[in-house]
Amino acid sequence: MKQDSGTGPIIVFDAQCILCSANAQFVLRHDRARRFRLASMQNEAGAVLYRRFGIDPAAPETLIVVDGDAMLRDSDAILAIYAGLGWPWKVAVILRLVPRFIRDPFYRFIARNRYRIFGRREACWVPPKDFADRVL
């Protein structure tokens, strides 16, 4: 994905999902270039982005990466995130060799069952103050 006028792509994720929150924390820790910003689907900024791309923020089955007018979802979004983190995480892009018709059903199964498999927080995850400038 292209970089959006210096502000960077926005990852919209489920802050109540334990897996999704862990991934958001991972991105904040390993994004040394400070490329990505985060928005939870539970806050207004994230909900607006979901609606903009035709996704119901009350019942999403994907995280999205928004960069200007472009949006990635499902396995493409995950692979773009890891590619954007640089080495060694960038090696995950090798999974692009797996056709999307195989990757996406696996992704969607995990997404649909994320609370059952990984659990759900009672309250949304809140990032530490030192990352406040990267969370919308």
Protein backbone atom coordinates (compact mmCIF):
# COMPACT_ATOMS: atom_id res chain seq x y z
CA MET A 1 0.00 0.00 0.00
CA LYS A 2 1.14 3.52 -0.64
CA GLN A 3 1.81 5.85 2.25
CA ASP A 4 -0.96 8.42 2.74
CA SER A 5 0.62 11.89 2.70
CA GLY A 6 2.92 11.12 5.61
CA THR A 7 0.17 10.00 7.96
CA GLY A 8 0.36 6.31 7.16
CA PRO A 9 -2.15 3.52 6.82
CA ILE A 10 -4.79 2.98 9.48
CA ILE A 11 -5.45 -0.50 10.87
CA VAL A 12 -9.06 -0.84 12.05
CA PHE A 13 -9.38 -3.72 14.51
CA ASP A 14 -11.64 -5.17 17.22
CA ALA A 15 -10.34 -3.85 20.57
CA GLN A 16 -12.49 -6.32 22.52
CA CYS A 17 -10.99 -9.35 20.77
CA ILE A 18 -7.98 -10.68 22.66
CA LEU A 19 -6.26 -11.87 19.45
CA CYS A 20 -6.92 -8.57 17.65
CA SER A 21 -5.68 -6.51 20.61
CA ALA A 22 -2.55 -8.66 20.87
CA ASN A 23 -1.90 -8.05 17.16
CA ALA A 24 -2.39 -4.29 17.66
CA GLN A 25 0.11 -4.33 20.53
CA PHE A 26 2.54 -6.30 18.36
CA VAL A 27 2.25 -3.72 15.59
CA LEU A 28 2.88 -0.82 17.97
CA ARG A 29 5.97 -2.55 19.43
CA HIS A 30 7.51 -3.62 16.11
CA ASP A 31 6.59 -0.73 13.81
CA ARG A 32 9.91 1.06 14.24
CA ALA A 33 9.17 3.37 11.31
CA ARG A 34 5.88 4.38 13.01
CA ARG A 35 4.13 3.73 9.70
CA PHE A 36 0.79 2.48 11.00
CA ARG A 37 -1.92 4.12 13.04
CA LEU A 38 -4.66 2.17 14.80
CA ALA A 39 -8.39 2.68 15.26
CA SER A 40 -10.72 0.30 17.02
CA MET A 41 -14.02 -0.54 15.40
CA GLN A 42 -15.62 0.39 18.73
CA ASN A 43 -14.62 4.04 18.49
CA GLU A 44 -16.04 6.61 16.11
CA ALA A 45 -12.98 6.85 13.84
CA GLY A 46 -12.91 3.09 13.26
CA ALA A 47 -16.68 2.81 12.83
CA VAL A 48 -16.66 5.60 10.23
CA LEU A 49 -13.96 3.81 8.23
CA TYR A 50 -15.85 0.50 8.37
CA ARG A 51 -19.06 2.16 7.17
CA ARG A 52 -17.16 4.00 4.41
CA PHE A 53 -16.21 0.62 2.95
CA GLY A 54 -19.62 -1.02 3.48
CA ILE A 55 -18.76 -3.02 6.61
CA ASP A 56 -21.10 -3.03 9.62
CA PRO A 57 -18.95 -2.01 12.62
CA ALA A 58 -21.34 -3.87 14.94
CA ALA A 59 -20.73 -7.20 13.17
CA PRO A 60 -17.46 -7.15 11.22
CA GLU A 61 -15.68 -10.32 10.24
CA THR A 62 -12.44 -8.68 9.17
CA LEU A 63 -9.91 -6.11 10.15
CA ILE A 64 -9.11 -3.57 7.49
CA VAL A 65 -6.12 -1.47 6.51
CA VAL A 66 -7.08 1.89 5.03
CA ASP A 67 -4.57 3.97 3.12
CA GLY A 68 -6.19 7.04 1.57
CA ASP A 69 -8.96 5.77 -0.70
CA ALA A 70 -7.60 2.20 -0.76
CA MET A 71 -8.71 -0.54 1.59
CA LEU A 72 -7.39 -4.04 2.17
CA ARG A 73 -9.26 -6.71 4.10
CA ASP A 74 -8.94 -10.33 5.20
CA SER A 75 -5.60 -12.02 4.55
CA ASP A 76 -4.43 -9.21 2.25
CA ALA A 77 -4.70 -6.77 5.16
CA ILE A 78 -2.72 -9.03 7.50
CA LEU A 79 0.01 -9.55 4.91
CA ALA A 80 0.21 -5.79 4.22
CA ILE A 81 0.65 -5.14 7.94
CA TYR A 82 3.51 -7.59 8.30
CA ALA A 83 5.13 -6.38 5.07
CA GLY A 84 4.96 -2.83 6.44
CA LEU A 85 6.74 -3.79 9.65
CA GLY A 86 9.96 -4.55 7.80
CA TRP A 87 12.42 -7.34 8.60
CA PRO A 88 12.06 -9.98 9.91
CA TRP A 89 8.25 -9.73 9.85
CA LYS A 90 8.24 -8.88 6.16
CA VAL A 91 9.06 -12.53 5.36
CA ALA A 92 5.35 -13.29 5.93
CA VAL A 93 4.66 -11.91 2.45
CA ILE A 94 5.75 -15.29 1.13
CA LEU A 95 2.21 -16.35 2.07
CA ARG A 96 1.01 -14.31 -0.91
CA LEU A 97 2.10 -17.34 -2.93
CA VAL A 98 -0.88 -19.13 -1.38
CA PRO A 99 -3.90 -18.19 -3.51
CA ARG A 100 -6.41 -15.83 -1.90
CA PHE A 101 -9.20 -18.41 -2.37
CA ILE A 102 -7.29 -20.59 0.13
CA ARG A 103 -5.99 -17.83 2.47
CA ASP A 104 -9.24 -15.90 2.88
CA PRO A 105 -11.52 -18.77 3.99
CA PHE A 106 -8.97 -19.67 6.67
CA TYR A 107 -8.80 -16.01 7.75
CA ARG A 108 -12.61 -15.70 7.81
CA PHE A 109 -12.98 -18.87 9.91
CA ILE A 110 -10.64 -17.41 12.54
CA ALA A 111 -12.35 -14.00 12.35
CA ARG A 112 -15.86 -15.44 12.76
CA ASN A 113 -14.78 -17.55 15.73
CA ARG A 114 -12.28 -15.14 17.32
CA TYR A 115 -14.19 -14.69 20.58
CA ARG A 116 -14.82 -18.41 20.99
CA ILE A 117 -11.20 -19.36 20.23
CA PHE A 118 -9.25 -16.49 21.82
CA GLY A 119 -11.72 -14.79 24.16
CA ARG A 120 -13.26 -11.38 24.52
CA ARG A 121 -12.34 -8.50 26.80
CA GLU A 122 -15.05 -6.94 28.96
CA ALA A 123 -13.72 -3.51 28.00
CA CYS A 124 -11.77 -2.38 24.95
CA TRP A 125 -8.00 -2.55 25.07
CA VAL A 126 -6.44 0.86 25.62
CA PRO A 127 -2.86 1.46 24.43
CA PRO A 128 -0.16 2.81 26.74
CA LYS A 129 0.22 6.60 26.76
CA ASP A 130 3.51 6.48 24.82
CA PHE A 131 1.52 5.24 21.79
CA ALA A 132 -1.37 7.68 22.13
CA ASP A 133 -0.27 9.64 19.06
CA ARG A 134 -0.69 6.51 16.92
CA VAL A 135 -4.19 5.56 18.01
CA LEU A 136 -7.23 7.37 16.65
